[in-house]
Amino acid sequence: MRPTFMPEILPHREKEINNLASVLVPALRDETPSNVFIYGKTGTGKTAVTKFVGKELLKKGRETGKKVNFIYINCEVVDTQYRLLQNITNHLIDDWSERIPFTGWPTDEVYAKLKQMIEKEGGVT
C-alpha cells in the first residue's frame, strides 16, 4: 500500500470519524468549528481518519453549495512557523507563479499574504 492510499471506508474507526466530524460540521452551517489537535501513537489511524473526514467534508460542501477548504498538514514534516504559514497560504493560491517559496520571505510577509488570501476567499466563518 502507498502512503497516499485512502480507503473508501475505515472499518473500526466509526467513533473517531464521528467525533472529528462533529467538531468540524459547523463549517457546513456557516459557523466556526473548534480547533482540533490530533495526537497519538504511530499507525493508529490519525492520518487516515483526518483525511477521510476532510474528504467527506469537502464532498458535503460541494453538495450543499458551501465553500469548504480542508488542508491537511503533517506537523512532523512542516515543523516551523514559516513553513506552516507558507503551506497553508500556498494551498489557497491557484497560480503557481504567485506561490510562496520554501524559504526566503520574512515570516510577517507570509502571514500578511495568508490574511490576504483568506480575505480573497471571503474570510473565515
PDB file of N, CA and C in Angstrom:
ATOM      1  N   MET A   1       0.833  -1.191   0.000  1.00  0.00           N
ATOM      2  CA  MET A   1       0.000   0.000   0.000  1.00  0.00           C
ATOM      3  C   MET A   1       0.869   1.243   0.000  1.00  0.00           C
ATOM      4  N   ARG A   2       0.450   2.241  -0.730  1.00  0.00           N
ATOM      5  CA  ARG A   2       1.159   3.510  -0.764  1.00  0.00           C
ATOM      6  C   ARG A   2       0.726   4.380   0.411  1.00  0.00           C
ATOM      7  N   PRO A   3       1.603   5.278   0.873  1.00  0.00           N
ATOM      8  CA  PRO A   3       1.225   6.172   1.967  1.00  0.00           C
ATOM      9  C   PRO A   3       0.060   7.092   1.604  1.00  0.00           C
ATOM     10  N   THR A   4      -0.128   7.341   0.308  1.00  0.00           N
ATOM     11  CA  THR A   4      -1.208   8.224  -0.135  1.00  0.00           C
ATOM     12  C   THR A   4      -2.527   7.485  -0.336  1.00  0.00           C
ATOM     13  N   PHE A   5      -2.518   6.150  -0.218  1.00  0.00           N
ATOM     14  CA  PHE A   5      -3.735   5.370  -0.414  1.00  0.00           C
ATOM     15  C   PHE A   5      -4.790   5.768   0.608  1.00  0.00           C
ATOM     16  N   MET A   6      -6.028   5.959   0.126  1.00  0.00           N
ATOM     17  CA  MET A   6      -7.127   6.336   1.005  1.00  0.00           C
ATOM     18  C   MET A   6      -8.285   5.378   0.763  1.00  0.00           C
ATOM     19  N   PRO A   7      -8.573   4.501   1.719  1.00  0.00           N
ATOM     20  CA  PRO A   7      -9.676   3.550   1.519  1.00  0.00           C
ATOM     21  C   PRO A   7     -11.026   4.258   1.487  1.00  0.00           C
ATOM     22  N   GLU A   8     -11.990   3.632   0.837  1.00  0.00           N
ATOM     23  CA  GLU A   8     -13.346   4.198   0.761  1.00  0.00           C
ATOM     24  C   GLU A   8     -14.062   4.138   2.106  1.00  0.00           C
ATOM     25  N   ILE A   9     -13.772   3.122   2.885  1.00  0.00           N
ATOM     26  CA  ILE A   9     -14.347   3.008   4.227  1.00  0.00           C
ATOM     27  C   ILE A   9     -13.217   2.737   5.215  1.00  0.00           C
ATOM     28  N   LEU A  10     -13.428   3.139   6.456  1.00  0.00           N
ATOM     29  CA  LEU A  10     -12.439   2.905   7.511  1.00  0.00           C
ATOM     30  C   LEU A  10     -13.083   2.049   8.593  1.00  0.00           C
ATOM     31  N   PRO A  11     -12.953   0.744   8.477  1.00  0.00           N
ATOM     32  CA  PRO A  11     -13.570  -0.124   9.487  1.00  0.00           C
ATOM     33  C   PRO A  11     -12.954   0.095  10.864  1.00  0.00           C
ATOM     34  N   HIS A  12     -13.783   0.008  11.873  1.00  0.00           N
ATOM     35  CA  HIS A  12     -13.359   0.108  13.272  1.00  0.00           C
ATOM     36  C   HIS A  12     -12.888   1.509  13.662  1.00  0.00           C
ATOM     37  N   ARG A  13     -13.239   2.519  12.873  1.00  0.00           N
ATOM     38  CA  ARG A  13     -12.869   3.896  13.192  1.00  0.00           C
ATOM     39  C   ARG A  13     -14.099   4.810  13.201  1.00  0.00           C
ATOM     40  N   GLU A  14     -15.284   4.201  13.272  1.00  0.00           N
ATOM     41  CA  GLU A  14     -16.528   4.973  13.231  1.00  0.00           C
ATOM     42  C   GLU A  14     -16.599   6.007  14.348  1.00  0.00           C
ATOM     43  N   LYS A  15     -16.206   5.607  15.564  1.00  0.00           N
ATOM     44  CA  LYS A  15     -16.258   6.516  16.710  1.00  0.00           C
ATOM     45  C   LYS A  15     -15.351   7.730  16.476  1.00  0.00           C
ATOM     46  N   GLU A  16     -14.128   7.485  16.019  1.00  0.00           N
ATOM     47  CA  GLU A  16     -13.179   8.562  15.770  1.00  0.00           C
ATOM     48  C   GLU A  16     -13.660   9.468  14.643  1.00  0.00           C
ATOM     49  N   ILE A  17     -14.209   8.857  13.589  1.00  0.00           N
ATOM     50  CA  ILE A  17     -14.738   9.624  12.458  1.00  0.00           C
ATOM     51  C   ILE A  17     -15.879  10.523  12.934  1.00  0.00           C
ATOM     52  N   ASN A  18     -16.807   9.959  13.684  1.00  0.00           N
ATOM     53  CA  ASN A  18     -17.958  10.740  14.176  1.00  0.00           C
ATOM     54  C   ASN A  18     -17.525  11.850  15.122  1.00  0.00           C
ATOM     55  N   ASN A  19     -16.547  11.574  15.987  1.00  0.00           N
ATOM     56  CA  ASN A  19     -16.061  12.603  16.907  1.00  0.00           C
ATOM     57  C   ASN A  19     -15.444  13.773  16.152  1.00  0.00           C
ATOM     58  N   LEU A  20     -14.587  13.475  15.192  1.00  0.00           N
ATOM     59  CA  LEU A  20     -13.947  14.532  14.422  1.00  0.00           C
ATOM     60  C   LEU A  20     -14.964  15.274  13.558  1.00  0.00           C
ATOM     61  N   ALA A  21     -15.849  14.541  12.926  1.00  0.00           N
ATOM     62  CA  ALA A  21     -16.868  15.169  12.084  1.00  0.00           C
ATOM     63  C   ALA A  21     -17.764  16.098  12.893  1.00  0.00           C
ATOM     64  N   SER A  22     -18.107  15.700  14.112  1.00  0.00           N
ATOM     65  CA  SER A  22     -18.993  16.539  14.929  1.00  0.00           C
ATOM     66  C   SER A  22     -18.334  17.869  15.288  1.00  0.00           C
ATOM     67  N   VAL A  23     -17.015  17.883  15.365  1.00  0.00           N
ATOM     68  CA  VAL A  23     -16.298  19.130  15.658  1.00  0.00           C
ATOM     69  C   VAL A  23     -16.236  20.024  14.420  1.00  0.00           C
ATOM     70  N   LEU A  24     -16.119  19.427  13.234  1.00  0.00           N
ATOM     71  CA  LEU A  24     -15.920  20.197  12.002  1.00  0.00           C
ATOM     72  C   LEU A  24     -17.204  20.538  11.253  1.00  0.00           C
ATOM     73  N   VAL A  25     -18.280  19.819  11.495  1.00  0.00           N
ATOM     74  CA  VAL A  25     -19.519  20.014  10.738  1.00  0.00           C
ATOM     75  C   VAL A  25     -20.118  21.427  10.879  1.00  0.00           C
ATOM     76  N   PRO A  26     -19.867  22.171  11.945  1.00  0.00           N
ATOM     77  CA  PRO A  26     -20.393  23.537  11.983  1.00  0.00           C
ATOM     78  C   PRO A  26     -19.961  24.390  10.784  1.00  0.00           C
ATOM     79  N   ALA A  27     -18.830  24.043  10.166  1.00  0.00           N
ATOM     80  CA  ALA A  27     -18.386  24.779   8.979  1.00  0.00           C
ATOM     81  C   ALA A  27     -19.427  24.706   7.860  1.00  0.00           C
ATOM     82  N   LEU A  28     -20.181  23.624   7.806  1.00  0.00           N
ATOM     83  CA  LEU A  28     -21.222  23.479   6.780  1.00  0.00           C
ATOM     84  C   LEU A  28     -22.467  24.302   7.108  1.00  0.00           C
ATOM     85  N   ARG A  29     -22.530  24.830   8.332  1.00  0.00           N
ATOM     86  CA  ARG A  29     -23.657  25.677   8.744  1.00  0.00           C
ATOM     87  C   ARG A  29     -23.232  27.134   8.875  1.00  0.00           C
ATOM     88  N   ASP A  30     -22.122  27.472   8.205  1.00  0.00           N
ATOM     89  CA  ASP A  30     -21.555  28.823   8.258  1.00  0.00           C
ATOM     90  C   ASP A  30     -21.186  29.244   9.674  1.00  0.00           C
ATOM     91  N   GLU A  31     -20.802  28.277  10.487  1.00  0.00           N
ATOM     92  CA  GLU A  31     -20.327  28.539  11.838  1.00  0.00           C
ATOM     93  C   GLU A  31     -18.844  28.189  11.897  1.00  0.00           C
ATOM     94  N   THR A  32     -18.146  28.764  12.845  1.00  0.00           N
ATOM     95  CA  THR A  32     -16.732  28.467  13.005  1.00  0.00           C
ATOM     96  C   THR A  32     -16.557  27.197  13.822  1.00  0.00           C
ATOM     97  N   PRO A  33     -15.922  26.188  13.247  1.00  0.00           N
ATOM     98  CA  PRO A  33     -15.695  24.955  14.021  1.00  0.00           C
ATOM     99  C   PRO A  33     -14.598  25.178  15.057  1.00  0.00           C
ATOM    100  N   SER A  34     -14.551  24.327  16.039  1.00  0.00           N
ATOM    101  CA  SER A  34     -13.487  24.381  17.040  1.00  0.00           C
ATOM    102  C   SER A  34     -12.173  23.931  16.415  1.00  0.00           C
ATOM    103  N   ASN A  35     -11.088  24.308  17.040  1.00  0.00           N
ATOM    104  CA  ASN A  35      -9.777  23.807  16.627  1.00  0.00           C
ATOM    105  C   ASN A  35      -9.662  22.341  17.011  1.00  0.00           C
ATOM    106  N   VAL A  36      -8.839  21.632  16.280  1.00  0.00           N
ATOM    107  CA  VAL A  36      -8.638  20.218  16.543  1.00  0.00           C
ATOM    108  C   VAL A  36      -7.144  19.945  16.637  1.00  0.00           C
ATOM    109  N   PHE A  37      -6.748  19.243  17.672  1.00  0.00           N
ATOM    110  CA  PHE A  37      -5.370  18.796  17.835  1.00  0.00           C
ATOM    111  C   PHE A  37      -5.422  17.283  17.956  1.00  0.00           C
ATOM    112  N   ILE A  38      -4.829  16.601  16.996  1.00  0.00           N
ATOM    113  CA  ILE A  38      -4.891  15.141  16.972  1.00  0.00           C
ATOM    114  C   ILE A  38      -3.491  14.585  17.230  1.00  0.00           C
ATOM    115  N   TYR A  39      -3.407  13.703  18.190  1.00  0.00           N
ATOM    116  CA  TYR A  39      -2.117  13.108  18.529  1.00  0.00           C
ATOM    117  C   TYR A  39      -2.322  11.653  18.932  1.00  0.00           C
ATOM    118  N   GLY A  40      -1.251  10.925  18.930  1.00  0.00           N
ATOM    119  CA  GLY A  40      -1.316   9.521  19.332  1.00  0.00           C
ATOM    120  C   GLY A  40      -0.172   8.731  18.732  1.00  0.00           C
ATOM    121  N   LYS A  41      -0.171   7.454  19.014  1.00  0.00           N
ATOM    122  CA  LYS A  41       0.900   6.582  18.549  1.00  0.00           C
ATOM    123  C   LYS A  41       0.856   6.410  17.041  1.00  0.00           C
ATOM    124  N   THR A  42       2.011   6.127  16.487  1.00  0.00           N
ATOM    125  CA  THR A  42       2.140   5.865  15.060  1.00  0.00           C
ATOM    126  C   THR A  42       1.303   4.655  14.666  1.00  0.00           C
ATOM    127  N   GLY A  43       0.622   4.773  13.520  1.00  0.00           N
ATOM    128  CA  GLY A  43      -0.107   3.633  12.974  1.00  0.00           C
ATOM    129  C   GLY A  43      -1.482   3.391  13.561  1.00  0.00           C
ATOM    130  N   THR A  44      -2.019   4.353  14.303  1.00  0.00           N
ATOM    131  CA  THR A  44      -3.327   4.147  14.929  1.00  0.00           C
ATOM    132  C   THR A  44      -4.484   4.684  14.105  1.00  0.00           C
ATOM    133  N   GLY A  45      -4.186   5.315  12.966  1.00  0.00           N
ATOM    134  CA  GLY A  45      -5.252   5.769  12.079  1.00  0.00           C
ATOM    135  C   GLY A  45      -5.528   7.262  12.102  1.00  0.00           C
ATOM    136  N   LYS A  46      -4.687   8.055  12.738  1.00  0.00           N
ATOM    137  CA  LYS A  46      -4.916   9.501  12.830  1.00  0.00           C
ATOM    138  C   LYS A  46      -4.996  10.142  11.445  1.00  0.00           C
ATOM    139  N   THR A  47      -4.018   9.864  10.618  1.00  0.00           N
ATOM    140  CA  THR A  47      -3.981  10.455   9.287  1.00  0.00           C
ATOM    141  C   THR A  47      -5.148   9.958   8.443  1.00  0.00           C
ATOM    142  N   ALA A  48      -5.402   8.678   8.469  1.00  0.00           N
ATOM    143  CA  ALA A  48      -6.485   8.110   7.665  1.00  0.00           C
ATOM    144  C   ALA A  48      -7.833   8.710   8.064  1.00  0.00           C
ATOM    145  N   VAL A  49      -8.103   8.803   9.370  1.00  0.00           N
ATOM    146  CA  VAL A  49      -9.369   9.359   9.838  1.00  0.00           C
ATOM    147  C   VAL A  49      -9.482  10.828   9.450  1.00  0.00           C
ATOM    148  N   THR A  50      -8.408  11.581   9.659  1.00  0.00           N
ATOM    149  CA  THR A  50      -8.425  13.009   9.357  1.00  0.00           C
ATOM    150  C   THR A  50      -8.668  13.260   7.874  1.00  0.00           C
ATOM    151  N   LYS A  51      -7.942  12.558   7.028  1.00  0.00           N
ATOM    152  CA  LYS A  51      -8.129  12.743   5.586  1.00  0.00           C
ATOM    153  C   LYS A  51      -9.506  12.258   5.138  1.00  0.00           C
ATOM    154  N   PHE A  52      -9.988  11.184   5.717  1.00  0.00           N
ATOM    155  CA  PHE A  52     -11.315  10.662   5.387  1.00  0.00           C
ATOM    156  C   PHE A  52     -12.387  11.695   5.719  1.00  0.00           C
ATOM    157  N   VAL A  53     -12.331  12.252   6.928  1.00  0.00           N
ATOM    158  CA  VAL A  53     -13.322  13.253   7.343  1.00  0.00           C
ATOM    159  C   VAL A  53     -13.195  14.510   6.478  1.00  0.00           C
ATOM    160  N   GLY A  54     -11.967  14.904   6.162  1.00  0.00           N
ATOM    161  CA  GLY A  54     -11.769  16.066   5.297  1.00  0.00           C
ATOM    162  C   GLY A  54     -12.376  15.873   3.924  1.00  0.00           C
ATOM    163  N   LYS A  55     -12.172  14.688   3.364  1.00  0.00           N
ATOM    164  CA  LYS A  55     -12.745  14.367   2.049  1.00  0.00           C
ATOM    165  C   LYS A  55     -14.273  14.410   2.090  1.00  0.00           C
ATOM    166  N   GLU A  56     -14.848  13.858   3.153  1.00  0.00           N
ATOM    167  CA  GLU A  56     -16.300  13.867   3.307  1.00  0.00           C
ATOM    168  C   GLU A  56     -16.829  15.289   3.504  1.00  0.00           C
ATOM    169  N   LEU A  57     -16.104  16.094   4.248  1.00  0.00           N
ATOM    170  CA  LEU A  57     -16.494  17.485   4.480  1.00  0.00           C
ATOM    171  C   LEU A  57     -16.496  18.271   3.169  1.00  0.00           C
ATOM    172  N   LEU A  58     -15.453  18.068   2.355  1.00  0.00           N
ATOM    173  CA  LEU A  58     -15.394  18.723   1.046  1.00  0.00           C
ATOM    174  C   LEU A  58     -16.555  18.278   0.156  1.00  0.00           C
ATOM    175  N   LYS A  59     -16.850  16.976   0.188  1.00  0.00           N
ATOM    176  CA  LYS A  59     -17.948  16.433  -0.616  1.00  0.00           C
ATOM    177  C   LYS A  59     -19.286  17.047  -0.198  1.00  0.00           C
ATOM    178  N   LYS A  60     -19.540  17.095   1.106  1.00  0.00           N
ATOM    179  CA  LYS A  60     -20.790  17.697   1.600  1.00  0.00           C
ATOM    180  C   LYS A  60     -20.856  19.180   1.268  1.00  0.00           C
ATOM    181  N   GLY A  61     -19.718  19.847   1.326  1.00  0.00           N
ATOM    182  CA  GLY A  61     -19.674  21.258   0.963  1.00  0.00           C
ATOM    183  C   GLY A  61     -20.082  21.476  -0.485  1.00  0.00           C
ATOM    184  N   ARG A  62     -19.557  20.644  -1.374  1.00  0.00           N
ATOM    185  CA  ARG A  62     -19.935  20.741  -2.796  1.00  0.00           C
ATOM    186  C   ARG A  62     -21.424  20.459  -2.984  1.00  0.00           C
ATOM    187  N   GLU A  63     -21.934  19.425  -2.292  1.00  0.00           N
ATOM    188  CA  GLU A  63     -23.346  19.047  -2.426  1.00  0.00           C
ATOM    189  C   GLU A  63     -24.284  20.147  -1.934  1.00  0.00           C
ATOM    190  N   THR A  64     -23.871  20.874  -0.912  1.00  0.00           N
ATOM    191  CA  THR A  64     -24.740  21.896  -0.315  1.00  0.00           C
ATOM    192  C   THR A  64     -24.402  23.308  -0.780  1.00  0.00           C
ATOM    193  N   GLY A  65     -23.386  23.435  -1.634  1.00  0.00           N
ATOM    194  CA  GLY A  65     -23.006  24.744  -2.140  1.00  0.00           C
ATOM    195  C   GLY A  65     -22.238  25.595  -1.129  1.00  0.00           C
ATOM    196  N   LYS A  66     -21.666  24.952  -0.138  1.00  0.00           N
ATOM    197  CA  LYS A  66     -20.891  25.664   0.885  1.00  0.00           C
ATOM    198  C   LYS A  66     -19.414  25.662   0.496  1.00  0.00           C
ATOM    199  N   LYS A  67     -18.762  26.796   0.689  1.00  0.00           N
ATOM    200  CA  LYS A  67     -17.327  26.897   0.412  1.00  0.00           C
ATOM    201  C   LYS A  67     -16.562  26.283   1.587  1.00  0.00           C
ATOM    202  N   VAL A  68     -15.877  25.186   1.325  1.00  0.00           N
ATOM    203  CA  VAL A  68     -15.118  24.489   2.362  1.00  0.00           C
ATOM    204  C   VAL A  68     -13.694  24.289   1.860  1.00  0.00           C
ATOM    205  N   ASN A  69     -12.735  24.672   2.681  1.00  0.00           N
ATOM    206  CA  ASN A  69     -11.331  24.363   2.421  1.00  0.00           C
ATOM    207  C   ASN A  69     -10.865  23.424   3.513  1.00  0.00           C
ATOM    208  N   PHE A  70     -10.255  22.346   3.107  1.00  0.00           N
ATOM    209  CA  PHE A  70      -9.674  21.411   4.060  1.00  0.00           C
ATOM    210  C   PHE A  70      -8.209  21.253   3.680  1.00  0.00           C
ATOM    211  N   ILE A  71      -7.340  21.571   4.615  1.00  0.00           N
ATOM    212  CA  ILE A  71      -5.902  21.473   4.366  1.00  0.00           C
ATOM    213  C   ILE A  71      -5.310  20.551   5.414  1.00  0.00           C
ATOM    214  N   TYR A  72      -4.735  19.462   4.973  1.00  0.00           N
ATOM    215  CA  TYR A  72      -4.071  18.541   5.884  1.00  0.00           C
ATOM    216  C   TYR A  72      -2.585  18.874   5.905  1.00  0.00           C
ATOM    217  N   ILE A  73      -2.056  19.062   7.092  1.00  0.00           N
ATOM    218  CA  ILE A  73      -0.627  19.356   7.237  1.00  0.00           C
ATOM    219  C   ILE A  73      -0.042  18.438   8.305  1.00  0.00           C
ATOM    220  N   ASN A  74       0.980  17.706   7.925  1.00  0.00           N
ATOM    221  CA  ASN A  74       1.697  16.857   8.869  1.00  0.00           C
ATOM    222  C   ASN A  74       2.760  17.722   9.541  1.00  0.00           C
ATOM    223  N   CYS A  75       2.542  18.066  10.797  1.00  0.00           N
ATOM    224  CA  CYS A  75       3.440  18.977  11.510  1.00  0.00           C
ATOM    225  C   CYS A  75       4.760  18.329  11.907  1.00  0.00           C
ATOM    226  N   GLU A  76       4.892  17.050  11.637  1.00  0.00           N
ATOM    227  CA  GLU A  76       6.196  16.431  11.828  1.00  0.00           C
ATOM    228  C   GLU A  76       7.095  16.753  10.637  1.00  0.00           C
ATOM    229  N   VAL A  77       6.492  17.047   9.506  1.00  0.00           N
ATOM    230  CA  VAL A  77       7.225  17.424   8.305  1.00  0.00           C
ATOM    231  C   VAL A  77       7.282  18.947   8.184  1.00  0.00           C
ATOM    232  N   VAL A  78       6.147  19.586   8.339  1.00  0.00           N
ATOM    233  CA  VAL A  78       6.042  21.047   8.290  1.00  0.00           C
ATOM    234  C   VAL A  78       6.197  21.529   9.732  1.00  0.00           C
ATOM    235  N   ASP A  79       7.453  21.800  10.101  1.00  0.00           N
ATOM    236  CA  ASP A  79       7.755  21.936  11.529  1.00  0.00           C
ATOM    237  C   ASP A  79       8.240  23.310  11.994  1.00  0.00           C
ATOM    238  N   THR A  80       8.032  24.332  11.181  1.00  0.00           N
ATOM    239  CA  THR A  80       8.360  25.693  11.620  1.00  0.00           C
ATOM    240  C   THR A  80       7.170  26.601  11.342  1.00  0.00           C
ATOM    241  N   GLN A  81       7.141  27.734  12.023  1.00  0.00           N
ATOM    242  CA  GLN A  81       6.055  28.693  11.806  1.00  0.00           C
ATOM    243  C   GLN A  81       6.025  29.146  10.348  1.00  0.00           C
ATOM    244  N   TYR A  82       7.182  29.460   9.795  1.00  0.00           N
ATOM    245  CA  TYR A  82       7.260  29.896   8.403  1.00  0.00           C
ATOM    246  C   TYR A  82       6.666  28.849   7.467  1.00  0.00           C
ATOM    247  N   ARG A  83       7.114  27.601   7.611  1.00  0.00           N
ATOM    248  CA  ARG A  83       6.661  26.541   6.703  1.00  0.00           C
ATOM    249  C   ARG A  83       5.177  26.246   6.868  1.00  0.00           C
ATOM    250  N   LEU A  84       4.660  26.365   8.086  1.00  0.00           N
ATOM    251  CA  LEU A  84       3.233  26.164   8.312  1.00  0.00           C
ATOM    252  C   LEU A  84       2.428  27.244   7.596  1.00  0.00           C
ATOM    253  N   LEU A  85       2.792  28.501   7.797  1.00  0.00           N
ATOM    254  CA  LEU A  85       2.092  29.603   7.133  1.00  0.00           C
ATOM    255  C   LEU A  85       2.242  29.510   5.617  1.00  0.00           C
ATOM    256  N   GLN A  86       3.440  29.168   5.147  1.00  0.00           N
ATOM    257  CA  GLN A  86       3.702  29.029   3.716  1.00  0.00           C
ATOM    258  C   GLN A  86       2.841  27.927   3.116  1.00  0.00           C
ATOM    259  N   ASN A  87       2.752  26.813   3.823  1.00  0.00           N
ATOM    260  CA  ASN A  87       1.993  25.660   3.344  1.00  0.00           C
ATOM    261  C   ASN A  87       0.504  25.985   3.242  1.00  0.00           C
ATOM    262  N   ILE A  88      -0.054  26.584   4.282  1.00  0.00           N
ATOM    263  CA  ILE A  88      -1.478  26.950   4.276  1.00  0.00           C
ATOM    264  C   ILE A  88      -1.759  27.951   3.162  1.00  0.00           C
ATOM    265  N   THR A  89      -0.910  28.981   3.077  1.00  0.00           N
ATOM    266  CA  THR A  89      -1.115  30.025   2.068  1.00  0.00           C
ATOM    267  C   THR A  89      -1.050  29.449   0.665  1.00  0.00           C
ATOM    268  N   ASN A  90      -0.067  28.607   0.407  1.00  0.00           N
ATOM    269  CA  ASN A  90       0.079  28.037  -0.932  1.00  0.00           C
ATOM    270  C   ASN A  90      -1.092  27.147  -1.317  1.00  0.00           C
ATOM    271  N   HIS A  91      -1.768  26.563  -0.351  1.00  0.00           N
ATOM    272  CA  HIS A  91      -2.974  25.792  -0.662  1.00  0.00           C
ATOM    273  C   HIS A  91      -4.099  26.696  -1.178  1.00  0.00           C
ATOM    274  N   LEU A  92      -4.030  27.968  -0.846  1.00  0.00           N
ATOM    275  CA  LEU A  92      -5.077  28.906  -1.256  1.00  0.00           C
ATOM    276  C   LEU A  92      -4.730  29.668  -2.529  1.00  0.00           C
ATOM    277  N   ILE A  93      -3.518  29.481  -3.039  1.00  0.00           N
ATOM    278  CA  ILE A  93      -3.060  30.186  -4.243  1.00  0.00           C
ATOM    279  C   ILE A  93      -3.124  29.236  -5.430  1.00  0.00           C
ATOM    280  N   ASP A  94      -3.891  29.612  -6.447  1.00  0.00           N
ATOM    281  CA  ASP A  94      -4.018  28.775  -7.639  1.00  0.00           C
ATOM    282  C   ASP A  94      -2.844  28.935  -8.602  1.00  0.00           C
ATOM    283  N   ASP A  95      -2.363  30.157  -8.752  1.00  0.00           N
ATOM    284  CA  ASP A  95      -1.296  30.457  -9.706  1.00  0.00           C
ATOM    285  C   ASP A  95       0.064  30.084  -9.106  1.00  0.00           C
ATOM    286  N   TRP A  96       0.693  29.068  -9.675  1.00  0.00           N
ATOM    287  CA  TRP A  96       1.971  28.578  -9.146  1.00  0.00           C
ATOM    288  C   TRP A  96       3.027  29.670  -9.103  1.00  0.00           C
ATOM    289  N   SER A  97       2.976  30.620 -10.018  1.00  0.00           N
ATOM    290  CA  SER A  97       3.996  31.678 -10.046  1.00  0.00           C
ATOM    291  C   SER A  97       3.850  32.640  -8.869  1.00  0.00           C
ATOM    292  N   GLU A  98       2.702  32.628  -8.199  1.00  0.00           N
ATOM    293  CA  GLU A  98       2.479  33.509  -7.055  1.00  0.00           C
ATOM    294  C   GLU A  98       2.744  32.812  -5.720  1.00  0.00           C
ATOM    295  N   ARG A  99       3.060  31.535  -5.760  1.00  0.00           N
ATOM    296  CA  ARG A  99       3.245  30.780  -4.519  1.00  0.00           C
ATOM    297  C   ARG A  99       4.479  31.253  -3.748  1.00  0.00           C
ATOM    298  N   ILE A 100       4.415  31.065  -2.452  1.00  0.00           N
ATOM    299  CA  ILE A 100       5.487  31.470  -1.557  1.00  0.00           C
ATOM    300  C   ILE A 100       6.588  30.410  -1.599  1.00  0.00           C
ATOM    301  N   PRO A 101       7.848  30.840  -1.722  1.00  0.00           N
ATOM    302  CA  PRO A 101       8.939  29.860  -1.787  1.00  0.00           C
ATOM    303  C   PRO A 101       9.150  29.146  -0.451  1.00  0.00           C
ATOM    304  N   PHE A 102       9.848  28.028  -0.521  1.00  0.00           N
ATOM    305  CA  PHE A 102      10.148  27.189   0.640  1.00  0.00           C
ATOM    306  C   PHE A 102      10.879  27.990   1.727  1.00  0.00           C
ATOM    307  N   THR A 103      11.731  28.896   1.320  1.00  0.00           N
ATOM    308  CA  THR A 103      12.433  29.790   2.247  1.00  0.00           C
ATOM    309  C   THR A 103      12.602  31.146   1.567  1.00  0.00           C
ATOM    310  N   GLY A 104      12.954  32.150   2.361  1.00  0.00           N
ATOM    311  CA  GLY A 104      13.335  33.416   1.754  1.00  0.00           C
ATOM    312  C   GLY A 104      12.490  34.630   2.087  1.00  0.00           C
ATOM    313  N   TRP A 105      11.251  34.436   2.500  1.00  0.00           N
ATOM    314  CA  TRP A 105      10.405  35.576   2.853  1.00  0.00           C
ATOM    315  C   TRP A 105      10.447  35.785   4.371  1.00  0.00           C
ATOM    316  N   PRO A 106      10.319  37.039   4.806  1.00  0.00           N
ATOM    317  CA  PRO A 106      10.119  37.248   6.243  1.00  0.00           C
ATOM    318  C   PRO A 106       8.781  36.632   6.665  1.00  0.00           C
ATOM    319  N   THR A 107       8.744  36.044   7.841  1.00  0.00           N
ATOM    320  CA  THR A 107       7.536  35.362   8.317  1.00  0.00           C
ATOM    321  C   THR A 107       6.339  36.294   8.351  1.00  0.00           C
ATOM    322  N   ASP A 108       6.553  37.577   8.712  1.00  0.00           N
ATOM    323  CA  ASP A 108       5.421  38.500   8.773  1.00  0.00           C
ATOM    324  C   ASP A 108       4.827  38.762   7.388  1.00  0.00           C
ATOM    325  N   GLU A 109       5.641  38.684   6.329  1.00  0.00           N
ATOM    326  CA  GLU A 109       5.117  38.836   4.967  1.00  0.00           C
ATOM    327  C   GLU A 109       4.294  37.612   4.559  1.00  0.00           C
ATOM    328  N   VAL A 110       4.738  36.445   4.973  1.00  0.00           N
ATOM    329  CA  VAL A 110       3.984  35.219   4.680  1.00  0.00           C
ATOM    330  C   VAL A 110       2.630  35.289   5.388  1.00  0.00           C
ATOM    331  N   TYR A 111       2.635  35.734   6.639  1.00  0.00           N
ATOM    332  CA  TYR A 111       1.391  35.879   7.403  1.00  0.00           C
ATOM    333  C   TYR A 111       0.465  36.891   6.738  1.00  0.00           C
ATOM    334  N   ALA A 112       1.017  38.013   6.279  1.00  0.00           N
ATOM    335  CA  ALA A 112       0.211  39.033   5.599  1.00  0.00           C
ATOM    336  C   ALA A 112      -0.401  38.463   4.316  1.00  0.00           C
ATOM    337  N   LYS A 113       0.366  37.654   3.581  1.00  0.00           N
ATOM    338  CA  LYS A 113      -0.145  37.033   2.352  1.00  0.00           C
ATOM    339  C   LYS A 113      -1.265  36.047   2.689  1.00  0.00           C
ATOM    340  N   LEU A 114      -1.112  35.294   3.787  1.00  0.00           N
ATOM    341  CA  LEU A 114      -2.168  34.379   4.213  1.00  0.00           C
ATOM    342  C   LEU A 114      -3.442  35.148   4.517  1.00  0.00           C
ATOM    343  N   LYS A 115      -3.335  36.241   5.261  1.00  0.00           N
ATOM    344  CA  LYS A 115      -4.510  37.061   5.563  1.00  0.00           C
ATOM    345  C   LYS A 115      -5.165  37.578   4.285  1.00  0.00           C
ATOM    346  N   GLN A 116      -4.340  38.000   3.338  1.00  0.00           N
ATOM    347  CA  GLN A 116      -4.853  38.485   2.051  1.00  0.00           C
ATOM    348  C   GLN A 116      -5.620  37.378   1.321  1.00  0.00           C
ATOM    349  N   MET A 117      -5.078  36.178   1.309  1.00  0.00           N
ATOM    350  CA  MET A 117      -5.728  35.068   0.612  1.00  0.00           C
ATOM    351  C   MET A 117      -7.023  34.660   1.309  1.00  0.00           C
ATOM    352  N   ILE A 118      -7.037  34.689   2.636  1.00  0.00           N
ATOM    353  CA  ILE A 118      -8.265  34.365   3.367  1.00  0.00           C
ATOM    354  C   ILE A 118      -9.346  35.386   3.062  1.00  0.00           C
ATOM    355  N   GLU A 119      -8.976  36.658   3.033  1.00  0.00           N
ATOM    356  CA  GLU A 119      -9.945  37.708   2.695  1.00  0.00           C
ATOM    357  C   GLU A 119     -10.443  37.539   1.266  1.00  0.00           C
ATOM    358  N   LYS A 120      -9.535  37.174   0.350  1.00  0.00           N
ATOM    359  CA  LYS A 120      -9.914  36.939  -1.050  1.00  0.00           C
ATOM    360  C   LYS A 120     -10.915  35.788  -1.163  1.00  0.00           C
ATOM    361  N   GLU A 121     -10.762  34.771  -0.302  1.00  0.00           N
ATOM    362  CA  GLU A 121     -11.661  33.619  -0.288  1.00  0.00           C
ATOM    363  C   GLU A 121     -13.017  33.952   0.342  1.00  0.00           C
ATOM    364  N   GLY A 122     -13.132  35.139   0.924  1.00  0.00           N
ATOM    365  CA  GLY A 122     -14.391  35.522   1.552  1.00  0.00           C
ATOM    366  C   GLY A 122     -14.336  35.465   3.064  1.00  0.00           C
ATOM    367  N   GLY A 123     -13.130  35.329   3.602  1.00  0.00           N
ATOM    368  CA  GLY A 123     -12.976  35.314   5.050  1.00  0.00           C
ATOM    369  C   GLY A 123     -13.194  33.934   5.630  1.00  0.00           C
ATOM    370  N   VAL A 124     -13.115  33.899   6.939  1.00  0.00           N
ATOM    371  CA  VAL A 124     -13.335  32.661   7.688  1.00  0.00           C
ATOM    372  C   VAL A 124     -14.628  32.811   8.443  1.00  0.00           C
ATOM    373  N   THR A 125     -15.489  31.826   8.305  1.00  0.00           N
ATOM    374  CA  THR A 125     -16.758  31.874   9.021  1.00  0.00           C
ATOM    375  C   THR A 125     -16.579  31.293  10.397  1.00  0.00           C
TER     376      THR A 125
END
